[in-house]
Structures are given as C-alpha cells and as structure tokens.
Amino acid sequence: MKLRTEMPELSGATKWINEELTKNDLVGEKPTLIHFWSVSCHLCKEAMPEINELRDEYEDELNVIAVHMPRSEDDLDMGVIEQMALGHDITQPIFVDSDHKLTDAFENKYVPAYYVFDEEGKLRHFQAGGSGMDMLRKRINRVLGTEK
C-alpha cells in the first residue's frame, strides 16, 4: 500500500472482538493506527505492551484497531485468538481476518505491521517488524501535529 492511499473498507471480518467498526466510524474525526498481529507471532507479543501504551496514551486523539492475520492453519482457532487478546490486554477493536480479506486489501505481508492514517483516512506511515516503536511514535505525533 502506497503512502497517501485511502484506507480500505473494513469489510470481510470473520469476527470482530471488543467492538465492530466501519471505515466511516474512523475517518473524519481523528487519525487511526491499524496494527496487524498474529497469535503465532513472537514479535507481535513483544510489541503489544507498547501498542497498548500508545492506545491508552492517545485515547482521545487516535483510533487504534488490531487486525488478527493468521499465518497458518494453527492461527485460525477463535478461542486461542480471544484468549491471546485477553492475555495481552488487547481492548481495542480486533478485526479477525481469517480469510485475509483486509490483509489483501492492505497488500500486507507482515506481522507485526503498522499503518498510520491521518484523520482524512490517507496512509501517512507504514512499518513492519518488532523494532522501531520510537519511529512509530514520532510518525503518530507528526500526524497528530504534536510533539510529545
């Protein structure tokens, strides 16, 4: 997905956990961070506390959405996904993408992966991998127009 590309519709979820949202719920009011993760991804588990910290710190300024992207058949067990979400304090809405519908719309191939959209729903930053949380925070601050 190229920078400045419009956020895809959030459709095709196998299930939503915590809350179901649409693109219209996200665009227009505040920027959005969409992060892809998987229950079998060690780096995702390591990064989750930092994502949760961002979610809580920017609660009034930033939408945060999780997308569970299975990497194998073992990642499709809804009970395991729900337990992992609970165990890692993922309280933000989770789009369970067992059929890779949103993954394909994003042209995403990685977990963890982070997409930052501005309030108009245009992609402003993408990064993948377990490191670089400082860079992600800088990009979020840039989109928010704040320096924390």
Foldseek 3Di string as FASTA:
>chain_A
DDFQDFQDWLDDFPDKPQDDDTVVVQADPAKEKEWEAFLVDPLLLVCLVVLVVVCVVCVPHYAYEYEYDDPDPVRPDPVSVVVSCVVSVVNHMYRYNDVCPSVVVVVHDAPGKMFMAANRRTTHDIDGDNDDSVVVVVSSCVSSVHDD
